[in-house]
């Protein structure tokens, strides 16, 4: 009996000594863009290894949903592949939230087709007409005599909104378009369908897809940074006010050329230009 009591005392003493360390661990909740998601996941692994007292809870769901979660106090950091809208800023202010933007990477939004599709180059106008349902056969843009299957992101996506602004010029995407909830889903849909066309973030390109030039320009890190690529954009995170505490440590890590920006390149996106 005496040995059991001593053993229990040692266990309790160990639990009590560990309690302050457990209580000291901080959690940063991050939500939003599926485009930014792989950047955050890759950088987050390295960040948590270097900061064992901080844990990150990371989830996707779309840029709009991430900003909404920030405004409602449901996350500490919102990931977004587009800038915040004035209406979202006002919604935040109404709830005492001041969304502050930080750029974490550069992206080239790239039209993609199946590798067996002979089309290599489209103009921005042709892309607009394809997505608006005005061009419906590949032969009309130099391809085979096949129906074009249009694959698009859903309306909660910052990638969708970037496409609407930069390519569609506010024109509506045809109702026949197959809407997907993530970059990965778009990539998979196009890889499996020889008649399909889609668009994804630069970091999602792979050997099962063929990227399409736009206006004679190839999507590369250099063309995106030089603003030669017509669908280049920055990727952002938003915090409530200037980042502080654990969130500031993460933000500083993300923009560090030797840390977070290294992770940006490792997952296929484009690091910020060094200033």
Protein backbone atom coordinates (compact mmCIF):
# COMPACT_ATOMS: atom_id res chain seq x y z
CA UNK A 1 0.00 0.00 0.00
CA UNK A 2 2.82 2.35 0.95
CA UNK A 3 4.47 1.86 -2.46
CA UNK A 4 1.20 2.61 -4.27
CA UNK A 5 0.73 5.85 -2.30
CA UNK A 6 4.29 6.93 -3.08
CA UNK A 7 3.83 6.11 -6.78
CA UNK A 8 0.58 8.09 -6.93
CA UNK A 9 2.24 11.02 -5.21
CA UNK A 10 5.01 11.01 -7.82
CA UNK A 11 2.46 10.94 -10.66
CA UNK A 12 0.49 13.82 -9.16
CA UNK A 13 3.69 15.79 -8.58
CA UNK A 14 4.65 15.25 -12.23
CA UNK A 15 1.22 16.40 -13.43
CA UNK A 16 1.36 19.50 -11.27
CA UNK A 17 4.84 20.40 -12.49
CA UNK A 18 3.73 19.96 -16.11
CA UNK A 19 0.55 22.01 -15.66
CA UNK A 20 2.18 25.47 -15.94
CA UNK A 21 3.92 24.45 -19.18
CA UNK A 22 0.66 23.13 -20.61
CA UNK A 23 -1.23 26.23 -19.56
CA UNK A 24 1.44 28.45 -21.12
CA UNK A 25 0.96 26.99 -24.62
CA UNK A 26 -0.84 29.45 -26.89
CA UNK A 27 -3.07 28.49 -29.79
CA UNK A 28 -3.41 30.59 -32.93
CA UNK A 29 -6.54 29.80 -34.96
CA UNK A 30 -6.15 30.34 -38.71
CA UNK A 31 -8.91 30.03 -41.31
CA UNK A 32 -9.69 30.93 -44.92
CA UNK A 33 -8.25 30.63 -48.42
CA UNK A 34 -7.45 27.19 -49.82
CA UNK A 35 -4.86 28.90 -52.04
CA UNK A 36 -2.92 30.19 -49.05
CA UNK A 37 -3.53 26.96 -47.11
CA UNK A 38 -0.47 24.97 -48.33
CA UNK A 39 1.79 27.96 -47.62
CA UNK A 40 0.46 28.21 -44.08
CA UNK A 41 0.65 24.47 -43.50
CA UNK A 42 4.27 24.22 -44.68
CA UNK A 43 5.43 27.33 -42.85
CA UNK A 44 3.35 26.36 -39.82
CA UNK A 45 5.19 23.07 -39.38
CA UNK A 46 8.54 24.86 -39.24
CA UNK A 47 7.12 27.61 -37.03
CA UNK A 48 5.75 25.19 -34.43
CA UNK A 49 9.04 23.27 -34.41
CA UNK A 50 10.83 26.53 -33.61
CA UNK A 51 8.12 27.68 -31.15
CA UNK A 52 6.93 24.64 -29.16
CA UNK A 53 4.93 26.89 -26.83
CA UNK A 54 2.63 27.91 -29.72
CA UNK A 55 0.22 25.63 -31.58
CA UNK A 56 -1.53 26.48 -34.84
CA UNK A 57 -5.03 25.31 -35.79
CA UNK A 58 -5.26 25.74 -39.58
CA UNK A 59 -8.32 25.19 -41.79
CA UNK A 60 -9.52 26.21 -45.28
CA UNK A 61 -13.02 27.17 -46.36
CA UNK A 62 -12.42 30.10 -48.70
CA UNK A 63 -11.21 33.69 -48.41
CA UNK A 64 -14.66 35.12 -47.69
CA UNK A 65 -15.30 32.61 -44.94
CA UNK A 66 -11.90 33.32 -43.38
CA UNK A 67 -12.51 37.08 -43.26
CA UNK A 68 -15.99 36.47 -41.88
CA UNK A 69 -14.53 34.28 -39.13
CA UNK A 70 -12.02 37.02 -38.24
CA UNK A 71 -14.77 39.62 -38.04
CA UNK A 72 -16.83 37.34 -35.80
CA UNK A 73 -13.93 36.58 -33.49
CA UNK A 74 -13.78 32.92 -34.52
CA UNK A 75 -10.15 33.01 -35.68
CA UNK A 76 -6.98 34.98 -35.00
CA UNK A 77 -5.73 35.07 -38.59
CA UNK A 78 -7.70 34.99 -41.84
CA UNK A 79 -6.02 33.72 -45.01
CA UNK A 80 -7.16 35.40 -48.22
CA UNK A 81 -6.25 35.24 -51.90
CA UNK A 82 -7.88 38.63 -52.47
CA UNK A 83 -7.97 41.97 -50.74
CA UNK A 84 -10.65 42.69 -48.17
CA UNK A 85 -13.82 44.39 -49.39
CA UNK A 86 -15.03 47.74 -47.99
CA UNK A 87 -18.21 46.01 -46.79
CA UNK A 88 -16.12 43.47 -44.88
CA UNK A 89 -14.10 46.26 -43.26
CA UNK A 90 -17.34 47.90 -42.14
CA UNK A 91 -18.69 44.60 -40.83
CA UNK A 92 -15.52 44.21 -38.80
CA UNK A 93 -15.68 47.71 -37.39
CA UNK A 94 -19.28 47.13 -36.32
CA UNK A 95 -18.00 44.28 -34.13
CA UNK A 96 -14.89 46.06 -32.87
CA UNK A 97 -12.56 44.32 -35.34
CA UNK A 98 -9.94 46.22 -37.36
CA UNK A 99 -8.69 43.90 -40.14
CA UNK A 100 -5.02 44.58 -40.95
CA UNK A 101 -3.49 43.10 -44.10
CA UNK A 102 -0.07 41.47 -44.53
CA UNK A 103 1.16 40.10 -47.87
CA UNK A 104 2.80 36.68 -47.52
CA UNK A 105 3.36 35.53 -51.12
CA UNK A 106 2.82 36.29 -54.81
CA UNK A 107 0.63 34.09 -56.98
CA UNK A 108 0.00 33.68 -60.69
CA UNK A 109 -3.53 32.49 -61.35
CA UNK A 110 -3.07 30.02 -64.21
CA UNK A 111 -5.56 28.64 -66.78
CA UNK A 112 -5.10 24.86 -67.11
CA UNK A 113 -6.17 22.12 -69.52
CA UNK A 114 -5.55 18.40 -69.88
CA UNK A 115 -2.01 17.60 -71.18
CA UNK A 116 -3.49 16.08 -74.37
CA UNK A 117 -5.31 19.30 -75.24
CA UNK A 118 -3.37 20.97 -78.12
CA UNK A 119 -4.30 24.51 -77.08
CA UNK A 120 -1.25 26.35 -75.74
CA UNK A 121 -2.26 30.00 -75.74
CA UNK A 122 -5.47 31.95 -75.21
CA UNK A 123 -6.19 35.65 -75.06
CA UNK A 124 -7.87 37.16 -72.03
CA UNK A 125 -10.89 37.86 -74.26
CA UNK A 126 -11.08 34.21 -75.33
CA UNK A 127 -10.93 33.08 -71.71
CA UNK A 128 -13.73 35.51 -70.86
CA UNK A 129 -15.88 34.23 -73.72
CA UNK A 130 -15.25 30.60 -72.76
CA UNK A 131 -16.27 31.19 -69.15
CA UNK A 132 -19.25 33.32 -70.16
CA UNK A 133 -20.50 30.49 -72.40
CA UNK A 134 -19.98 32.39 -75.67
CA UNK A 135 -17.28 30.01 -76.93
CA UNK A 136 -18.32 26.41 -76.35
CA UNK A 137 -16.14 24.36 -78.74
CA UNK A 138 -12.36 23.95 -78.61
CA UNK A 139 -12.10 24.23 -82.41
CA UNK A 140 -13.03 27.92 -82.14
CA UNK A 141 -9.77 28.61 -80.26
CA UNK A 142 -7.44 26.32 -82.21
CA UNK A 143 -8.24 23.02 -80.53
CA UNK A 144 -10.08 19.83 -81.39
CA UNK A 145 -13.74 19.68 -82.39
CA UNK A 146 -14.91 19.03 -78.80
CA UNK A 147 -17.26 20.66 -76.34
CA UNK A 148 -15.48 22.80 -73.73
CA UNK A 149 -16.16 21.72 -70.16
CA UNK A 150 -15.75 24.80 -67.96
CA UNK A 151 -14.49 24.26 -64.42
CA UNK A 152 -14.53 27.18 -61.98
CA UNK A 153 -14.11 27.94 -58.32
CA UNK A 154 -17.21 28.61 -56.22
CA UNK A 155 -18.36 32.10 -55.30
CA UNK A 156 -16.97 32.04 -51.73
CA UNK A 157 -13.46 31.77 -53.16
CA UNK A 158 -11.03 34.67 -53.41
CA UNK A 159 -9.60 32.94 -56.47
CA UNK A 160 -13.04 33.09 -58.10
CA UNK A 161 -13.33 36.79 -57.31
CA UNK A 162 -9.87 37.47 -58.74
CA UNK A 163 -10.89 35.66 -61.93
CA UNK A 164 -14.12 37.67 -62.13
CA UNK A 165 -12.23 40.94 -61.70
CA UNK A 166 -9.20 40.30 -63.92
CA UNK A 167 -10.60 38.06 -66.66
CA UNK A 168 -14.38 38.30 -66.67
CA UNK A 169 -14.37 42.07 -66.08
CA UNK A 170 -17.43 41.56 -63.89
CA UNK A 171 -19.21 39.46 -66.56
CA UNK A 172 -20.94 36.40 -65.11
CA UNK A 173 -19.60 32.87 -65.38
CA UNK A 174 -22.00 30.63 -67.33
CA UNK A 175 -24.44 28.61 -65.17
CA UNK A 176 -23.18 25.44 -66.87
CA UNK A 177 -19.73 25.82 -65.25
CA UNK A 178 -18.77 23.08 -62.80
CA UNK A 179 -18.06 24.86 -59.50
CA UNK A 180 -15.37 23.44 -57.22
CA UNK A 181 -14.64 24.22 -53.57
CA UNK A 182 -10.84 24.25 -53.79
CA UNK A 183 -7.82 24.59 -56.08
CA UNK A 184 -7.14 20.89 -55.59
CA UNK A 185 -10.64 19.97 -56.73
CA UNK A 186 -10.28 22.10 -59.89
CA UNK A 187 -6.90 20.50 -60.65
CA UNK A 188 -8.34 17.01 -60.20
CA UNK A 189 -11.38 17.72 -62.37
CA UNK A 190 -9.24 19.02 -65.26
CA UNK A 191 -6.68 16.21 -64.96
CA UNK A 192 -9.47 13.67 -65.45
CA UNK A 193 -11.26 15.37 -68.37
CA UNK A 194 -9.61 15.99 -71.76
CA UNK A 195 -12.30 18.55 -72.64
CA UNK A 196 -12.00 20.62 -69.47
CA UNK A 197 -10.49 24.01 -68.71
CA UNK A 198 -9.94 25.45 -65.24
CA UNK A 199 -7.80 27.92 -63.31
CA UNK A 200 -5.68 27.42 -60.21
CA UNK A 201 -3.04 29.09 -58.07
CA UNK A 202 0.56 28.69 -59.26
CA UNK A 203 1.47 26.35 -56.41
CA UNK A 204 -1.10 23.77 -57.55
CA UNK A 205 0.46 23.13 -60.98
CA UNK A 206 1.59 19.55 -61.52
CA UNK A 207 2.58 17.08 -64.26
CA UNK A 208 -1.04 16.00 -64.78
CA UNK A 209 -1.97 19.50 -65.96
CA UNK A 210 -0.95 21.76 -68.84
CA UNK A 211 -0.75 25.47 -68.17
CA UNK A 212 -2.03 27.81 -70.86
CA UNK A 213 -0.26 31.02 -71.84
CA UNK A 214 -2.36 34.19 -71.77
CA UNK A 215 -1.85 36.89 -74.41
CA UNK A 216 1.39 35.16 -75.41
CA UNK A 217 2.86 35.35 -71.90
CA UNK A 218 3.89 32.28 -69.88
CA UNK A 219 3.09 32.12 -66.18
CA UNK A 220 6.43 32.10 -64.34
CA UNK A 221 7.70 33.60 -61.07
CA UNK A 222 9.56 36.22 -63.11
CA UNK A 223 6.53 37.25 -65.20
CA UNK A 224 4.35 37.44 -62.08
CA UNK A 225 6.80 39.59 -60.13
CA UNK A 226 7.30 41.86 -63.14
CA UNK A 227 3.51 42.25 -63.55
CA UNK A 228 3.80 40.86 -67.07
CA UNK A 229 1.48 37.98 -66.24
CA UNK A 230 -2.07 39.39 -66.55
CA UNK A 231 -3.49 37.41 -63.62
CA UNK A 232 -0.85 38.00 -60.94
CA UNK A 233 -1.87 38.81 -57.36
CA UNK A 234 -0.60 38.89 -53.81
CA UNK A 235 -1.74 36.41 -51.17
CA UNK A 236 -2.64 37.84 -47.76
CA UNK A 237 -3.32 37.19 -44.14
CA UNK A 238 -5.46 39.48 -41.98
CA UNK A 239 -5.28 40.07 -38.25
CA UNK A 240 -7.44 42.09 -35.87
CA UNK A 241 -5.29 45.20 -35.61
CA UNK A 242 -1.52 45.06 -35.87
CA UNK A 243 -0.38 41.52 -35.07
CA UNK A 244 0.65 41.00 -31.46
CA UNK A 245 1.84 38.18 -29.24
CA UNK A 246 1.89 34.71 -30.82
CA UNK A 247 0.23 36.02 -33.99
CA UNK A 248 3.05 38.57 -34.45
CA UNK A 249 5.65 35.85 -34.05
CA UNK A 250 3.93 33.89 -36.81
CA UNK A 251 3.58 36.91 -39.11
CA UNK A 252 7.26 37.80 -38.65
CA UNK A 253 8.15 34.18 -39.42
CA UNK A 254 6.01 34.16 -42.59
CA UNK A 255 7.66 37.23 -44.13
CA UNK A 256 11.21 36.26 -43.14
CA UNK A 257 13.16 35.42 -46.37
CA UNK A 258 14.97 32.53 -44.65
CA UNK A 259 11.92 31.08 -42.93
CA UNK A 260 8.36 31.58 -44.13
CA UNK A 261 9.35 32.77 -47.59
CA UNK A 262 11.46 29.65 -48.01
CA UNK A 263 8.31 27.63 -47.31
CA UNK A 264 6.43 29.69 -49.93
CA UNK A 265 8.91 28.57 -52.58
CA UNK A 266 8.90 24.96 -51.35
CA UNK A 267 5.16 24.59 -51.97
CA UNK A 268 5.42 26.11 -55.45
CA UNK A 269 4.28 29.68 -54.88
CA UNK A 270 6.32 32.84 -55.44
CA UNK A 271 8.19 34.51 -52.54
CA UNK A 272 7.80 38.23 -51.99
CA UNK A 273 10.44 40.42 -53.58
CA UNK A 274 13.20 41.32 -51.14
CA UNK A 275 13.12 44.97 -50.15
